[in-house]
Amino acid sequence: MKKNFLRFIVAAILMVTTGTVASAADVISPTLRNKNISIDELGVNHVKISWDNAVDNETAVQNITYSVFYRLMDLGEPDKWTQAYIKQKHTCCTLYGLPAMKSIEIKVVAYDAAGNSATYNLASARVSGD
């Protein structure tokens, strides 16, 4: 409610000072109805994942984009995230070329058209070997 009131105040100030009405910038992050990432397939050197789409107050569902990141937990660099997909519109993907027999964590971030973001819960998996 505070955000809507602030938007109203900003729009009113713009109208008084410029004589025109302008909408305030979108500052609300997408909503994640289900924050879980599903591990759909564990294969040799790959993991297939999916997640439910996000919804947003301004951006249509089909225009929300998603970035996918992963990190290798067994290599002593748990803070190093690798970006696998950059702002795609799909709600599934397969991460290829992963090292065999390693544990990974996967992160998905949803973005609306204004660049606001929301992060899904982390998913963990152990990549299969040969």
Protein backbone atom coordinates (compact mmCIF):
# COMPACT_ATOMS: atom_id res chain seq x y z
CA MET A 1 0.00 0.00 0.00
CA LYS A 2 2.89 2.35 0.76
CA LYS A 3 4.37 1.75 -2.70
CA ASN A 4 1.08 2.57 -4.43
CA PHE A 5 0.75 5.74 -2.36
CA LEU A 6 4.30 6.76 -3.28
CA ARG A 7 3.54 6.11 -6.96
CA PHE A 8 0.48 8.34 -6.67
CA ILE A 9 2.54 11.13 -5.06
CA VAL A 10 5.24 10.89 -7.76
CA ALA A 11 2.62 10.96 -10.52
CA ALA A 12 0.90 13.95 -8.88
CA ILE A 13 4.18 15.86 -8.61
CA LEU A 14 4.97 15.13 -12.25
CA MET A 15 1.53 16.32 -13.29
CA VAL A 16 1.86 19.56 -11.32
CA THR A 17 5.41 20.33 -12.47
CA THR A 18 5.18 19.20 -16.09
CA GLY A 19 1.48 19.32 -16.84
CA THR A 20 1.49 15.67 -17.93
CA VAL A 21 0.73 12.42 -16.20
CA ALA A 22 3.51 9.83 -16.19
CA SER A 23 3.43 6.40 -14.63
CA ALA A 24 5.98 5.65 -11.95
CA ALA A 25 8.62 3.03 -12.67
CA ASP A 26 7.88 -0.59 -11.88
CA VAL A 27 9.71 -1.44 -8.66
CA ILE A 28 7.90 -4.65 -7.71
CA SER A 29 9.71 -7.96 -8.21
CA PRO A 30 8.03 -10.89 -9.97
CA THR A 31 6.05 -13.23 -7.74
CA LEU A 32 7.08 -16.88 -7.48
CA ARG A 33 4.03 -18.99 -6.68
CA ASN A 34 6.20 -22.09 -6.35
CA LYS A 35 9.83 -21.32 -5.53
CA ASN A 36 11.12 -24.85 -6.10
CA ILE A 37 13.34 -26.01 -8.95
CA SER A 38 12.67 -29.57 -10.14
CA ILE A 39 15.48 -31.95 -11.08
CA ASP A 40 13.84 -33.77 -13.99
CA GLU A 41 16.78 -35.86 -15.21
CA LEU A 42 20.27 -36.70 -14.01
CA GLY A 43 22.41 -37.97 -16.86
CA VAL A 44 26.02 -38.47 -17.72
CA ASN A 45 27.52 -34.97 -17.44
CA HIS A 46 24.14 -33.21 -17.57
CA VAL A 47 21.17 -32.20 -15.45
CA LYS A 48 17.73 -31.28 -16.77
CA ILE A 49 15.71 -28.86 -14.63
CA SER A 50 12.37 -27.07 -14.72
CA TRP A 51 10.46 -24.52 -12.64
CA ASP A 52 7.05 -22.88 -12.53
CA ASN A 53 6.63 -19.56 -14.29
CA ALA A 54 6.70 -16.32 -12.35
CA VAL A 55 3.96 -13.69 -12.51
CA ASP A 56 4.33 -9.93 -12.35
CA ASN A 57 2.23 -6.85 -11.76
CA GLU A 58 3.40 -5.17 -15.01
CA THR A 59 5.14 -7.72 -17.25
CA ALA A 60 3.11 -10.37 -19.10
CA VAL A 61 3.99 -13.95 -18.14
CA GLN A 62 5.35 -14.70 -21.62
CA ASN A 63 7.79 -11.76 -21.32
CA ILE A 64 9.33 -12.71 -17.99
CA THR A 65 12.86 -13.99 -18.50
CA TYR A 66 14.98 -16.40 -16.49
CA SER A 67 18.70 -16.79 -15.91
CA VAL A 68 20.16 -20.09 -14.69
CA PHE A 69 23.32 -20.39 -12.61
CA TYR A 70 25.16 -23.35 -11.09
CA ARG A 71 28.09 -23.88 -8.80
CA LEU A 72 30.27 -26.92 -8.21
CA MET A 73 30.35 -27.86 -4.55
CA ASP A 74 33.20 -30.44 -4.66
CA LEU A 75 35.89 -28.23 -6.17
CA GLY A 76 36.51 -25.93 -3.22
CA GLU A 77 34.84 -22.91 -4.87
CA PRO A 78 31.31 -22.86 -3.42
CA ASP A 79 30.97 -19.10 -3.98
CA LYS A 80 31.75 -19.24 -7.70
CA TRP A 81 28.50 -19.22 -9.71
CA THR A 82 28.59 -19.99 -13.44
CA GLN A 83 25.84 -18.49 -15.58
CA ALA A 84 24.47 -21.22 -17.85
CA TYR A 85 21.56 -19.37 -19.49
CA ILE A 86 21.04 -15.63 -19.72
CA LYS A 87 17.51 -14.22 -19.63
CA GLN A 88 15.73 -16.94 -21.59
CA LYS A 89 11.92 -17.19 -21.71
CA HIS A 90 11.72 -20.95 -21.10
CA THR A 91 10.91 -22.59 -17.77
CA CYS A 92 13.21 -25.56 -18.31
CA CYS A 93 16.72 -26.24 -19.51
CA THR A 94 19.49 -28.81 -19.53
CA LEU A 95 22.92 -28.02 -18.15
CA TYR A 96 25.51 -29.88 -20.26
CA GLY A 97 29.24 -30.44 -19.82
CA LEU A 98 29.15 -30.82 -16.07
CA PRO A 99 31.96 -32.77 -14.43
CA ALA A 100 31.02 -36.35 -13.56
CA MET A 101 30.39 -37.38 -9.99
CA LYS A 102 30.32 -33.82 -8.64
CA SER A 103 27.70 -32.16 -6.48
CA ILE A 104 26.17 -28.97 -7.86
CA GLU A 105 23.72 -26.34 -6.72
CA ILE A 106 21.43 -24.64 -9.20
CA LYS A 107 19.87 -21.20 -8.96
CA VAL A 108 17.18 -19.67 -11.20
CA VAL A 109 16.41 -15.94 -11.22
CA ALA A 110 13.24 -14.47 -12.79
CA TYR A 111 13.31 -10.93 -14.26
CA ASP A 112 10.47 -8.64 -15.25
CA ALA A 113 10.76 -6.07 -18.05
CA ALA A 114 11.92 -3.38 -15.59
CA GLY A 115 14.80 -5.57 -14.40
CA ASN A 116 13.32 -6.45 -11.01
CA SER A 117 14.26 -9.96 -9.96
CA ALA A 118 13.17 -12.84 -7.76
CA THR A 119 15.24 -15.94 -6.95
CA TYR A 120 13.92 -19.48 -6.70
CA ASN A 121 15.05 -21.85 -3.94
CA LEU A 122 18.38 -23.57 -4.62
CA ALA A 123 18.29 -27.10 -6.00
CA SER A 124 21.05 -29.65 -5.38
CA ALA A 125 22.09 -32.65 -7.46
CA ARG A 126 24.99 -35.03 -7.98
CA VAL A 127 26.01 -35.38 -11.61
CA SER A 128 26.20 -38.93 -12.97
CA GLY A 129 29.44 -40.39 -14.29
CA ASP A 130 30.28 -42.59 -17.27
